[in-house]
Amino acid sequence: MTTILAQGQTDLRLDASVLDYLLVAFYFLLVLGIGYAARRSVSSSLDFLLSGRSMPAWVTGLAFISANLGALELIGMVANGAQYGIPTVHYYWIGAIPAMVFLALVMMPFYYGSKARSVPEFLYKRFNRTTQRVQAVIFALSSVLIAGVNLFSLGLLLEALLGWSLGVAIPVAALIVLAYITLGGLSAAIYSEVLQFFVILALLIPLTIAGLARVGGWNGLKEAITAGPGGAEQLSSWPGTSLTEIANPVLSVIGIVFGLGFVLSFGYWTTNFAEVQRALSAKSMSAAKRTPLIGAYPKALIPLVIIIPGMVAAVLVPQLQTLKAGGQTDVTYNNALSLLMKEVLPNGILGVAIAGLLAAFMAGMAANISSFNTVFTYDIWQDWAKPGRSDRYYLQVGRWITVIGCVLAIATAFIASGSGNIMDYLQSLFSFFNAPLFAIFILGLFWRRMTGTSAWIGLLAGTAAAVVVNILTNTGVLALSSQAGSFVGASAAFVVGVLVALGVSMVSTPKPASELGGLVWSLTSKEERTHESHGDDSGWYRSPALLAVGVLVLTAILYIIFW
């Protein structure tokens, strides 16, 4: 995608009016206003970095899903919708919902109950300082790399759609994110993400309705796709052979269920602190458990306004029709979103749509920067480099490291520019950083015999395994597509991480059982895992178990409809 948005700029340039620019400017001012308002509630490092653990569940739930709903997802999943059709739903329904439910019901009681301020700090409590520090460094690196991907993608989009140069677009976007996070910390990021969630929907819903109207509704879309190059296969979710690029249907299903649905999905949703941080800012155990479940409902429905527009673009936009038929054109599927916006959205609505794209990029970057500053301040600076200082000192460190994180994101944005396909680059990062952590985390949660030494060695071994698979894929030694390579790399990271941790645990000494209460499943009583259900947490509709069953049923119904 590095060169994709730069191609065919004449075709992609939006005819934005003064009204459109005024709407974008108003959005920027609104976000900065949120940061300024949140500043008044920041009086300690916990306020700045974890919102004082005071957020209601509906706010953290919407922020949880907004932090994930970045513009990379918008561009990438609209592109996949255009290229693959309905099979793209696997990224949501099996690649997110089960893991979000598992995080809520199984892992949040340990995260929140341990009073850990971050995922690395939980690893310290469960294992040792070395594991905490190894993971803190790994996470800090991954955060600025992924923030850079978001920032670079935003720069490319603004360059292609509005004519802004990369030298202007990247620093301006970084400055806006920096301003509201530095002012109000995580509270500003979370409240901005709630706003951004609705602004993003204000882009996607009109785009879907207008697109479907142009192709004759859902039935007209199905007829056009069936008659086109992709055929009726693009209207069914299983076996998804076009998505996985695995010809054997059985192996394709295994790849989706294990590679995507288990390793990549659980590795991302259950251990990625950029997401978990939102739940840790909730005001109670019940609210923390409900956070990913509240986010799961829009996550299950969002494919209807992301994937369907991609399918519409593939039959409505002439350049994409040519591309899908195997012809030569100067655009790719990654241009589907911007091409469809140009095709169906009028001025005024176009300004809202541009604001929606900006919101999506800023939400993704803000999630990574706000989690980066927390991990750096607590796990690297306070617990390692400069322990024993005043809380005000760490509050100032949190603010300064936010500035440094944004500067680093600008630098890593140009690292991302060296990738031929940004979505492949992002999936590779997830296989490096999330899959091995999930292996260590899940083994340590359910196996009390696992040791601290095995944890950090297994973590590094799993990361190395994913890197090796990536190198072998990129050099052609393994005959895999980049997407399939990420699935295999994540699986290798998980398996190697588990095997190494098992082996090292057999020859090293575990923590005594007396130190593992609340950190290991078998040594934690049911009462310790149970949330309170009175006051603000009372009411049957606030039951995490009921919310979990509801979203799983909803997902099953959606799968039946689009089978």
Protein backbone atom coordinates (compact mmCIF):
# COMPACT_ATOMS: atom_id res chain seq x y z
CA MET A 1 0.00 0.00 0.00
CA THR A 2 3.05 2.24 0.13
CA THR A 3 2.72 3.21 -3.50
CA ILE A 4 -0.94 2.36 -3.87
CA LEU A 5 -2.51 5.57 -2.65
CA ALA A 6 0.03 7.64 -4.51
CA GLN A 7 -0.98 6.03 -7.79
CA GLY A 8 -3.65 7.61 -9.92
CA GLN A 9 -3.94 10.73 -7.77
CA THR A 10 -6.03 12.50 -10.42
CA ASP A 11 -8.65 9.77 -10.16
CA LEU A 12 -8.60 9.67 -6.35
CA ARG A 13 -8.59 13.40 -5.56
CA LEU A 14 -11.82 14.45 -3.81
CA ASP A 15 -13.59 17.63 -4.83
CA ALA A 16 -13.84 18.94 -1.26
CA SER A 17 -15.68 22.24 -0.76
CA VAL A 18 -15.23 24.99 1.83
CA LEU A 19 -18.06 23.37 3.83
CA ASP A 20 -16.16 20.07 3.89
CA TYR A 21 -13.02 21.76 5.22
CA LEU A 22 -15.05 23.62 7.85
CA LEU A 23 -16.50 20.32 9.07
CA VAL A 24 -13.00 18.81 9.33
CA ALA A 25 -11.74 21.89 11.20
CA PHE A 26 -14.72 21.70 13.59
CA TYR A 27 -13.89 18.05 14.29
CA PHE A 28 -10.27 18.92 15.12
CA LEU A 29 -11.41 21.67 17.50
CA LEU A 30 -13.87 19.31 19.17
CA VAL A 31 -11.17 16.71 19.82
CA LEU A 32 -8.81 19.32 21.23
CA GLY A 33 -11.65 20.59 23.43
CA ILE A 34 -12.09 17.10 24.87
CA GLY A 35 -8.40 17.00 25.72
CA TYR A 36 -8.57 20.38 27.43
CA ALA A 37 -11.68 19.41 29.43
CA ALA A 38 -10.12 16.09 30.53
CA ARG A 39 -7.02 17.94 31.75
CA ARG A 40 -8.90 19.17 34.82
CA SER A 41 -9.35 15.61 36.12
CA VAL A 42 -5.63 14.73 35.94
CA SER A 43 -3.88 15.08 39.29
CA SER A 44 -1.86 11.85 39.50
CA SER A 45 -0.04 9.40 37.24
CA LEU A 46 -2.94 6.94 37.64
CA ASP A 47 -5.37 9.64 36.44
CA PHE A 48 -3.17 10.38 33.44
CA LEU A 49 -2.27 6.83 32.47
CA LEU A 50 -5.34 4.82 33.57
CA SER A 51 -8.08 7.47 34.02
CA GLY A 52 -8.00 6.88 37.78
CA ARG A 53 -9.88 3.61 37.12
CA SER A 54 -13.13 5.59 37.12
CA MET A 55 -14.67 5.08 33.67
CA PRO A 56 -18.20 3.63 33.19
CA ALA A 57 -18.52 0.44 31.15
CA TRP A 58 -20.39 1.96 28.18
CA VAL A 59 -17.59 4.52 27.69
CA THR A 60 -14.76 1.99 27.98
CA GLY A 61 -16.68 -0.45 25.78
CA LEU A 62 -17.06 2.01 22.90
CA ALA A 63 -13.46 3.18 23.35
CA PHE A 64 -12.35 -0.47 23.31
CA ILE A 65 -13.81 -1.04 19.87
CA SER A 66 -12.92 2.43 18.54
CA ALA A 67 -9.27 1.89 19.45
CA ASN A 68 -9.34 -1.11 17.12
CA LEU A 69 -11.47 0.52 14.42
CA GLY A 70 -8.60 2.42 12.86
CA ALA A 71 -8.49 3.58 9.29
CA LEU A 72 -6.12 0.72 8.45
CA GLU A 73 -9.06 -1.54 9.20
CA LEU A 74 -11.38 0.65 7.15
CA ILE A 75 -9.06 0.71 4.14
CA GLY A 76 -7.93 -2.90 4.51
CA MET A 77 -11.32 -4.48 5.13
CA VAL A 78 -13.11 -2.46 2.45
CA ALA A 79 -10.30 -3.64 0.14
CA ASN A 80 -10.81 -7.26 1.23
CA GLY A 81 -14.54 -6.86 0.72
CA ALA A 82 -13.90 -5.70 -2.83
CA GLN A 83 -11.41 -8.51 -3.52
CA TYR A 84 -12.85 -11.47 -1.58
CA GLY A 85 -16.43 -10.53 -0.66
CA ILE A 86 -18.24 -12.15 2.26
CA PRO A 87 -15.32 -14.43 3.42
CA THR A 88 -13.78 -11.26 4.89
CA VAL A 89 -16.29 -11.58 7.78
CA HIS A 90 -13.99 -14.20 9.32
CA TYR A 91 -11.72 -11.39 10.53
CA TYR A 92 -14.62 -10.26 12.70
CA TRP A 93 -16.84 -13.20 13.60
CA ILE A 94 -14.24 -15.88 14.27
CA GLY A 95 -11.21 -13.56 14.33
CA ALA A 96 -12.49 -11.29 17.11
CA ILE A 97 -15.76 -12.17 18.90
CA PRO A 98 -14.70 -15.45 20.64
CA ALA A 99 -11.45 -13.88 21.83
CA MET A 100 -13.27 -10.79 23.16
CA VAL A 101 -15.64 -13.04 25.12
CA PHE A 102 -12.68 -15.03 26.49
CA LEU A 103 -10.93 -11.83 27.53
CA ALA A 104 -14.04 -10.63 29.36
CA LEU A 105 -15.00 -13.79 31.22
CA VAL A 106 -11.68 -15.55 31.77
CA MET A 107 -8.84 -13.05 31.70
CA MET A 108 -10.26 -9.75 32.98
CA PRO A 109 -10.80 -11.13 36.52
CA PHE A 110 -7.03 -11.75 36.67
CA TYR A 111 -5.98 -8.51 34.97
CA TYR A 112 -8.29 -6.29 37.00
CA GLY A 113 -8.26 -8.33 40.19
CA SER A 114 -4.45 -8.28 40.38
CA LYS A 115 -4.51 -4.45 40.32
CA ALA A 116 -1.83 -4.58 37.63
CA ARG A 117 -1.49 -1.29 35.78
CA SER A 118 -0.36 -2.95 32.56
CA VAL A 119 0.09 -6.35 30.91
CA PRO A 120 3.89 -6.36 31.62
CA GLU A 121 3.18 -5.60 35.29
CA PHE A 122 0.83 -8.58 35.43
CA LEU A 123 3.66 -10.70 34.02
CA TYR A 124 5.89 -9.47 36.84
CA LYS A 125 3.31 -10.53 39.41
CA ARG A 126 2.88 -13.93 37.76
CA PHE A 127 6.53 -14.56 36.79
CA ASN A 128 9.40 -12.16 37.54
CA ARG A 129 10.98 -8.80 36.75
CA THR A 130 12.89 -10.10 33.75
CA THR A 131 9.70 -11.23 32.02
CA GLN A 132 8.09 -7.87 32.77
CA ARG A 133 11.04 -5.96 31.32
CA VAL A 134 11.38 -8.13 28.21
CA GLN A 135 7.69 -7.73 27.43
CA ALA A 136 7.73 -4.00 28.24
CA VAL A 137 10.53 -3.39 25.73
CA ILE A 138 8.83 -5.59 23.12
CA PHE A 139 5.50 -3.83 23.61
CA ALA A 140 7.03 -0.35 23.52
CA LEU A 141 8.70 -1.23 20.22
CA SER A 142 5.51 -2.69 18.73
CA SER A 143 3.44 0.33 19.85
CA VAL A 144 5.56 2.92 18.09
CA LEU A 145 5.86 0.72 14.99
CA ILE A 146 2.09 0.25 14.73
CA ALA A 147 1.44 3.94 15.52
CA GLY A 148 3.81 4.74 12.67
CA VAL A 149 1.80 2.51 10.32
CA ASN A 150 -1.37 4.46 11.18
CA LEU A 151 0.40 7.77 10.78
CA PHE A 152 2.01 6.91 7.45
CA SER A 153 -1.28 5.57 6.09
CA LEU A 154 -3.05 8.78 7.08
CA GLY A 155 -0.35 10.80 5.32
CA LEU A 156 -0.76 8.76 2.15
CA LEU A 157 -4.53 9.13 2.24
CA LEU A 158 -4.45 12.90 2.74
CA GLU A 159 -1.87 13.19 -0.02
CA ALA A 160 -4.02 11.18 -2.41
CA LEU A 161 -7.44 12.61 -1.51
CA LEU A 162 -6.70 16.24 -0.63
CA GLY A 163 -3.30 16.89 -2.17
CA TRP A 164 -1.49 17.45 1.14
CA SER A 165 2.17 16.48 1.02
CA LEU A 166 3.45 13.74 3.34
CA GLY A 167 5.74 16.31 4.96
CA VAL A 168 2.64 18.27 6.05
CA ALA A 169 0.07 15.53 6.64
CA ILE A 170 2.15 13.31 8.95
CA PRO A 171 3.31 16.02 11.42
CA VAL A 172 -0.14 17.71 11.52
CA ALA A 173 -1.93 14.46 12.37
CA ALA A 174 0.70 13.58 14.98
CA LEU A 175 0.43 17.04 16.53
CA ILE A 176 -3.35 16.77 16.98
CA VAL A 177 -3.06 13.36 18.68
CA LEU A 178 -0.16 14.60 20.79
CA ALA A 179 -2.09 17.66 21.93
CA TYR A 180 -5.17 15.93 23.34
CA ILE A 181 -3.31 12.99 24.92
CA THR A 182 -0.69 15.26 26.53
CA LEU A 183 -3.46 17.47 27.92
CA GLY A 184 -5.86 14.86 29.25
CA GLY A 185 -4.03 11.53 29.18
CA LEU A 186 -6.02 8.31 28.79
CA SER A 187 -9.31 10.01 29.70
CA ALA A 188 -8.92 12.36 26.73
CA ALA A 189 -8.01 9.43 24.47
CA ILE A 190 -11.00 7.39 25.65
CA TYR A 191 -13.59 10.16 25.35
CA SER A 192 -12.15 11.11 21.96
CA GLU A 193 -12.43 7.47 20.89
CA VAL A 194 -16.12 7.43 21.86
CA LEU A 195 -16.64 10.52 19.68
CA GLN A 196 -14.55 8.98 16.92
CA PHE A 197 -16.65 5.81 17.00
CA PHE A 198 -19.76 7.79 16.02
CA VAL A 199 -17.87 9.93 13.49
CA ILE A 200 -16.59 6.75 11.81
CA LEU A 201 -20.15 5.39 11.66
CA ALA A 202 -21.19 8.72 10.12
CA LEU A 203 -18.84 7.82 7.27
CA LEU A 204 -19.69 4.13 6.92
CA ILE A 205 -23.49 4.12 7.18
CA PRO A 206 -24.21 6.75 4.48
CA LEU A 207 -21.55 5.16 2.29
CA THR A 208 -23.25 1.75 2.58
CA ILE A 209 -26.76 3.09 1.99
CA ALA A 210 -25.75 5.26 -0.96
CA GLY A 211 -23.69 2.45 -2.48
CA LEU A 212 -26.45 -0.14 -2.20
CA ALA A 213 -28.94 2.32 -3.68
CA ARG A 214 -26.71 2.72 -6.73
CA VAL A 215 -26.47 -1.04 -7.40
CA GLY A 216 -30.13 -1.91 -6.87
CA GLY A 217 -30.04 -2.95 -3.23
CA TRP A 218 -28.75 -6.21 -1.75
CA ASN A 219 -30.35 -8.37 -4.44
CA GLY A 220 -28.86 -6.21 -7.17
CA LEU A 221 -25.45 -6.50 -5.53
CA LYS A 222 -25.71 -10.30 -5.32
CA GLU A 223 -26.68 -10.54 -8.98
CA ALA A 224 -23.79 -8.34 -10.07
CA ILE A 225 -21.23 -10.28 -8.01
CA THR A 226 -22.55 -13.66 -9.16
CA ALA A 227 -22.21 -12.56 -12.78
CA GLY A 228 -18.76 -11.06 -12.22
CA PRO A 229 -15.21 -12.49 -11.99
CA GLY A 230 -15.45 -13.50 -8.31
CA GLY A 231 -18.66 -15.46 -8.82
CA ALA A 232 -21.11 -16.75 -6.21
CA GLU A 233 -18.21 -17.99 -4.03
CA GLN A 234 -17.81 -14.39 -2.84
CA LEU A 235 -21.30 -14.48 -1.33
CA SER A 236 -20.50 -17.36 1.08
CA SER A 237 -18.24 -17.22 4.11
CA TRP A 238 -17.00 -20.85 4.08
CA PRO A 239 -14.61 -22.44 3.20
CA GLY A 240 -12.89 -19.12 2.40
CA THR A 241 -10.25 -20.54 0.07
CA SER A 242 -9.87 -17.23 -1.79
CA LEU A 243 -9.19 -15.43 1.49
CA THR A 244 -6.61 -17.87 2.84
CA GLU A 245 -5.16 -18.63 -0.61
CA ILE A 246 -5.17 -22.30 0.44
CA ALA A 247 -6.75 -24.38 -2.33
CA ASN A 248 -7.79 -27.35 -0.17
CA PRO A 249 -11.15 -26.47 1.51
CA VAL A 250 -10.40 -28.51 4.64
CA LEU A 251 -6.97 -26.92 5.12
CA SER A 252 -8.49 -23.52 4.42
CA VAL A 253 -11.02 -23.99 7.23
CA ILE A 254 -8.24 -25.19 9.58
CA GLY A 255 -6.17 -22.13 8.68
CA ILE A 256 -9.08 -19.81 9.44
CA VAL A 257 -10.07 -21.53 12.70
CA PHE A 258 -6.58 -22.13 14.15
CA GLY A 259 -4.32 -19.54 12.52
CA LEU A 260 -6.78 -16.65 12.53
CA GLY A 261 -9.50 -17.65 15.00
CA PHE A 262 -7.19 -18.93 17.74
CA VAL A 263 -3.58 -17.78 17.53
CA LEU A 264 -3.79 -14.35 15.86
CA SER A 265 -7.19 -13.45 17.30
CA PHE A 266 -6.63 -14.53 20.90
CA GLY A 267 -3.07 -13.23 20.77
CA TYR A 268 -4.28 -9.78 19.75
CA TRP A 269 -7.46 -9.32 21.76
CA THR A 270 -6.42 -10.89 25.06
CA THR A 271 -2.88 -9.55 25.50
CA ASN A 272 -2.64 -6.34 23.45
CA PHE A 273 -2.39 -3.61 26.09
CA ALA A 274 -3.69 -0.97 23.67
CA GLU A 275 -7.05 -2.77 24.04
CA VAL A 276 -6.75 -4.15 27.58
CA GLN A 277 -5.87 -0.67 28.90
CA ARG A 278 -9.41 0.52 28.14
CA ALA A 279 -10.88 -2.21 30.33
CA LEU A 280 -8.36 -1.54 33.12
CA SER A 281 -9.60 2.07 33.26
CA ALA A 282 -13.13 0.88 34.16
CA LYS A 283 -14.46 1.70 37.62
CA SER A 284 -15.21 -1.86 38.79
CA MET A 285 -14.56 -5.52 38.04
CA SER A 286 -18.02 -5.83 36.49
CA ALA A 287 -17.43 -2.79 34.27
CA ALA A 288 -14.03 -4.16 33.24
CA LYS A 289 -15.58 -7.51 32.25
CA ARG A 290 -18.37 -5.78 30.35
CA THR A 291 -15.97 -3.53 28.41
CA PRO A 292 -14.95 -6.02 25.69
CA LEU A 293 -18.48 -7.46 25.61
CA ILE A 294 -20.08 -4.08 24.96
CA GLY A 295 -17.48 -3.55 22.24
CA ALA A 296 -18.23 -6.98 20.78
CA TYR A 297 -21.77 -6.06 19.67
CA PRO A 298 -20.74 -3.28 17.26
CA LYS A 299 -17.74 -5.43 16.26
CA ALA A 300 -20.14 -8.16 15.13
CA LEU A 301 -22.28 -5.73 13.10
CA ILE A 302 -19.58 -3.46 11.66
CA PRO A 303 -18.80 -5.88 8.77
CA LEU A 304 -22.20 -4.93 7.33
CA VAL A 305 -20.96 -1.35 6.80
CA ILE A 306 -17.33 -2.14 5.97
CA ILE A 307 -17.34 -5.29 3.83
CA ILE A 308 -20.54 -4.54 1.91
CA PRO A 309 -19.24 -1.13 0.71
CA GLY A 310 -16.16 -2.95 -0.58
CA MET A 311 -18.36 -5.36 -2.50
CA VAL A 312 -20.35 -2.43 -3.86
CA ALA A 313 -17.17 -0.67 -4.97
CA ALA A 314 -16.05 -3.79 -6.84
CA VAL A 315 -19.14 -3.70 -9.07
CA LEU A 316 -19.71 0.07 -9.21
CA VAL A 317 -16.24 1.56 -9.79
CA PRO A 318 -14.96 0.94 -13.35
CA GLN A 319 -11.28 0.78 -12.33
CA LEU A 320 -12.01 -1.96 -9.78
CA GLN A 321 -14.13 -3.87 -12.31
CA THR A 322 -11.13 -3.84 -14.65
CA LEU A 323 -8.81 -4.96 -11.85
CA LYS A 324 -11.09 -7.80 -10.79
CA ALA A 325 -11.36 -9.02 -14.37
CA GLY A 326 -7.55 -9.26 -14.54
CA GLY A 327 -7.02 -6.12 -16.60
CA GLN A 328 -4.42 -3.39 -16.19
CA THR A 329 -5.27 -0.33 -14.11
CA ASP A 330 -3.38 2.21 -11.99
CA VAL A 331 -5.40 1.48 -8.82
CA THR A 332 -5.62 -1.49 -6.46
CA TYR A 333 -8.21 -2.85 -4.04
CA ASN A 334 -6.79 -0.63 -1.31
CA ASN A 335 -8.24 2.32 -3.25
CA ALA A 336 -11.78 0.90 -2.95
CA LEU A 337 -12.84 3.10 -0.03
CA SER A 338 -11.64 6.39 -1.49
CA LEU A 339 -12.97 5.54 -4.96
CA LEU A 340 -16.41 4.70 -3.55
CA MET A 341 -16.43 7.90 -1.47
CA LYS A 342 -15.69 9.90 -4.63
CA GLU A 343 -18.37 8.00 -6.54
CA VAL A 344 -21.37 8.25 -4.20
CA LEU A 345 -20.88 10.94 -1.53
CA PRO A 346 -21.90 14.57 -2.11
CA ASN A 347 -20.22 17.65 -0.61
CA GLY A 348 -21.08 18.19 3.05
CA ILE A 349 -21.40 14.47 3.60
CA LEU A 350 -17.94 14.27 2.04
CA GLY A 351 -16.61 16.50 4.85
CA VAL A 352 -18.12 14.17 7.44
CA ALA A 353 -16.56 11.23 5.60
CA ILE A 354 -13.10 12.85 5.59
CA ALA A 355 -13.51 13.57 9.31
CA GLY A 356 -14.45 9.90 9.76
CA LEU A 357 -11.22 8.78 8.11
CA LEU A 358 -9.21 11.21 10.22
CA ALA A 359 -11.02 9.95 13.32
CA ALA A 360 -10.18 6.36 12.44
CA PHE A 361 -6.49 7.05 11.96
CA MET A 362 -6.28 9.16 15.09
CA ALA A 363 -8.11 6.54 17.18
CA GLY A 364 -5.64 3.85 16.10
CA MET A 365 -2.60 6.03 16.73
CA ALA A 366 -3.92 7.38 20.04
CA ALA A 367 -4.55 3.85 21.33
CA ASN A 368 -0.95 2.88 20.66
CA ILE A 369 0.57 6.08 22.03
CA SER A 370 -1.54 6.07 25.23
CA SER A 371 -0.64 2.44 25.92
CA PHE A 372 3.01 3.12 25.05
CA ASN A 373 3.29 5.94 27.58
CA THR A 374 1.74 3.77 30.33
CA VAL A 375 4.05 0.80 29.77
CA PHE A 376 7.13 3.00 29.45
CA THR A 377 6.32 5.07 32.56
CA TYR A 378 5.36 2.20 34.86
CA ASP A 379 7.22 -0.85 33.56
CA ILE A 380 10.42 0.66 32.20
CA TRP A 381 10.97 3.98 33.99
CA GLN A 382 9.38 3.48 37.43
CA ASP A 383 10.06 -0.24 37.94
CA TRP A 384 13.45 -0.38 36.21
CA ALA A 385 15.27 2.85 35.42
CA LYS A 386 14.19 5.36 38.11
CA PRO A 387 12.29 3.71 40.98
CA GLY A 388 11.23 5.45 44.17
CA ARG A 389 10.45 8.92 42.82
CA SER A 390 7.32 10.98 43.60
CA ASP A 391 4.04 10.39 41.79
CA ARG A 392 4.22 13.90 40.31
CA TYR A 393 7.58 12.98 38.78
CA TYR A 394 6.04 9.96 37.02
CA LEU A 395 3.10 12.09 35.87
CA GLN A 396 5.57 14.41 34.15
CA VAL A 397 7.44 11.42 32.70
CA GLY A 398 4.13 10.17 31.28
CA ARG A 399 3.54 13.52 29.55
CA TRP A 400 7.08 13.77 28.16
CA ILE A 401 7.12 10.18 26.90
CA THR A 402 3.87 10.93 25.06
CA VAL A 403 5.75 13.63 23.15
CA ILE A 404 8.65 11.27 22.50
CA GLY A 405 6.24 8.51 21.40
CA CYS A 406 4.66 10.77 18.79
CA VAL A 407 8.10 11.79 17.49
CA LEU A 408 9.09 8.12 17.26
CA ALA A 409 5.81 7.38 15.44
CA ILE A 410 6.73 9.98 12.83
CA ALA A 411 10.07 8.21 12.38
CA THR A 412 8.51 4.73 12.19
CA ALA A 413 5.97 6.06 9.69
CA PHE A 414 8.85 6.21 7.22
CA ILE A 415 9.92 2.67 8.18
CA ALA A 416 6.42 1.59 7.16
CA SER A 417 7.01 3.33 3.84
CA GLY A 418 9.49 0.57 2.97
CA SER A 419 6.75 -2.04 2.99
CA GLY A 420 5.13 -2.98 -0.29
CA ASN A 421 1.83 -3.77 1.44
CA ILE A 422 0.99 -2.16 4.77
CA MET A 423 -1.68 -4.71 5.77
CA ASP A 424 0.83 -7.53 5.30
CA TYR A 425 3.38 -5.53 7.31
CA LEU A 426 0.85 -5.06 10.12
CA GLN A 427 -0.10 -8.74 10.21
CA SER A 428 3.60 -9.60 10.42
CA LEU A 429 3.98 -7.30 13.43
CA PHE A 430 1.06 -9.03 15.15
CA SER A 431 2.67 -12.43 14.55
CA PHE A 432 5.95 -11.14 16.04
CA PHE A 433 4.56 -9.43 19.13
CA ASN A 434 1.11 -10.79 20.02
CA ALA A 435 1.21 -14.52 19.26
CA PRO A 436 4.24 -15.40 21.46
CA LEU A 437 2.87 -13.33 24.33
CA PHE A 438 -0.45 -15.16 24.16
CA ALA A 439 1.39 -18.51 24.30
CA ILE A 440 3.24 -17.49 27.48
CA PHE A 441 0.24 -15.84 29.05
CA ILE A 442 -2.22 -18.68 28.53
CA LEU A 443 0.27 -21.35 29.67
CA GLY A 444 1.10 -19.37 32.80
CA LEU A 445 -2.56 -18.75 33.57
CA PHE A 446 -3.53 -22.42 33.56
CA TRP A 447 -0.27 -24.17 34.55
CA ARG A 448 1.03 -23.30 38.00
CA ARG A 449 4.35 -25.14 37.40
CA MET A 450 5.46 -22.65 34.74
CA THR A 451 8.49 -20.62 35.85
CA GLY A 452 9.65 -17.04 35.37
CA THR A 453 12.76 -18.11 33.49
CA SER A 454 10.69 -20.16 31.06
CA ALA A 455 8.37 -17.21 30.46
CA TRP A 456 10.91 -14.72 29.11
CA ILE A 457 12.90 -17.37 27.23
CA GLY A 458 9.71 -18.73 25.66
CA LEU A 459 8.63 -15.20 24.77
CA LEU A 460 11.88 -14.48 22.93
CA ALA A 461 11.90 -17.92 21.27
CA GLY A 462 8.35 -17.46 19.99
CA THR A 463 9.17 -14.02 18.62
CA ALA A 464 12.27 -15.41 16.90
CA ALA A 465 10.19 -18.20 15.32
CA ALA A 466 7.74 -15.70 13.82
CA VAL A 467 10.59 -13.55 12.48
CA VAL A 468 12.24 -16.60 10.87
CA VAL A 469 8.98 -17.61 9.13
CA ASN A 470 8.58 -14.03 7.89
CA ILE A 471 12.11 -13.99 6.45
CA LEU A 472 11.63 -17.39 4.79
CA THR A 473 8.33 -16.21 3.28
CA ASN A 474 9.73 -12.92 2.00
CA THR A 475 12.78 -14.62 0.45
CA GLY A 476 10.66 -17.26 -1.29
CA VAL A 477 12.04 -20.23 0.67
CA LEU A 478 8.49 -20.91 1.88
CA ALA A 479 5.99 -20.83 -0.97
CA LEU A 480 3.40 -18.79 0.95
CA SER A 481 1.58 -15.56 0.30
CA SER A 482 2.28 -12.76 2.77
CA GLN A 483 -1.12 -13.30 4.37
CA ALA A 484 -0.68 -17.05 4.71
CA GLY A 485 2.87 -16.39 5.96
CA SER A 486 1.46 -14.31 8.83
CA PHE A 487 -0.91 -17.16 9.78
CA VAL A 488 1.95 -19.66 9.72
CA GLY A 489 4.31 -17.29 11.54
CA ALA A 490 1.79 -16.69 14.32
CA SER A 491 1.18 -20.42 14.66
CA ALA A 492 4.93 -21.09 14.79
CA ALA A 493 5.38 -18.38 17.44
CA PHE A 494 2.66 -19.93 19.58
CA VAL A 495 3.88 -23.54 19.26
CA VAL A 496 7.57 -22.69 19.76
CA GLY A 497 6.77 -20.41 22.70
CA VAL A 498 4.75 -23.13 24.44
CA LEU A 499 7.29 -25.90 23.77
CA VAL A 500 10.28 -23.83 24.94
CA ALA A 501 8.41 -22.68 28.04
CA LEU A 502 7.45 -26.28 28.86
CA GLY A 503 11.01 -27.49 28.46
CA VAL A 504 12.63 -24.70 30.49
CA SER A 505 10.01 -25.03 33.23
CA MET A 506 11.07 -28.64 33.75
CA VAL A 507 14.61 -27.57 34.67
CA SER A 508 13.88 -24.35 36.61
CA THR A 509 12.16 -23.51 39.88
CA PRO A 510 8.58 -22.18 39.93
CA LYS A 511 7.16 -19.66 42.38
CA PRO A 512 5.59 -21.17 45.52
CA ALA A 513 1.83 -21.62 45.39
CA SER A 514 1.42 -19.05 48.19
CA GLU A 515 2.55 -16.29 45.79
CA LEU A 516 0.25 -17.26 42.92
CA GLY A 517 -3.20 -16.67 44.37
CA GLY A 518 -5.24 -14.50 41.97
CA LEU A 519 -2.68 -15.13 39.21
CA VAL A 520 -3.27 -18.78 38.28
CA TRP A 521 -6.68 -20.30 37.58
CA SER A 522 -6.37 -23.34 39.86
CA LEU A 523 -5.14 -21.22 42.78
CA THR A 524 -7.82 -18.55 42.51
CA SER A 525 -11.18 -19.14 44.17
CA LYS A 526 -14.46 -18.59 42.37
CA GLU A 527 -15.22 -15.74 44.79
CA GLU A 528 -12.04 -13.91 43.72
CA ARG A 529 -13.08 -14.21 40.08
CA THR A 530 -16.65 -13.02 40.74
CA HIS A 531 -17.61 -9.38 40.30
CA GLU A 532 -19.93 -7.42 42.54
CA SER A 533 -23.54 -7.01 41.38
CA HIS A 534 -24.94 -4.15 43.41
CA GLY A 535 -25.18 -0.39 42.92
CA ASP A 536 -24.02 0.64 39.44
CA ASP A 537 -23.25 -3.01 38.66
CA SER A 538 -26.74 -4.34 39.47
CA GLY A 539 -29.38 -5.39 36.94
CA TRP A 540 -29.75 -8.49 34.78
CA TYR A 541 -28.84 -6.49 31.68
CA ARG A 542 -25.40 -5.83 33.16
CA SER A 543 -24.60 -9.52 33.56
CA PRO A 544 -21.32 -10.27 31.71
CA ALA A 545 -22.42 -13.88 31.17
CA LEU A 546 -25.69 -12.77 29.57
CA LEU A 547 -23.92 -10.22 27.38
CA ALA A 548 -21.45 -12.94 26.30
CA VAL A 549 -24.18 -15.40 25.37
CA GLY A 550 -26.04 -12.67 23.50
CA VAL A 551 -23.12 -11.67 21.30
CA LEU A 552 -22.20 -15.31 20.56
CA VAL A 553 -25.81 -15.98 19.50
CA LEU A 554 -25.77 -12.85 17.35
CA THR A 555 -22.54 -13.98 15.68
CA ALA A 556 -23.94 -17.47 15.06
CA ILE A 557 -27.06 -15.97 13.45
CA LEU A 558 -24.93 -13.76 11.21
CA TYR A 559 -22.84 -16.77 10.16
CA ILE A 560 -26.02 -18.69 9.31
CA ILE A 561 -27.28 -15.80 7.20
CA PHE A 562 -24.00 -15.48 5.29
CA TRP A 563 -22.98 -19.14 5.31
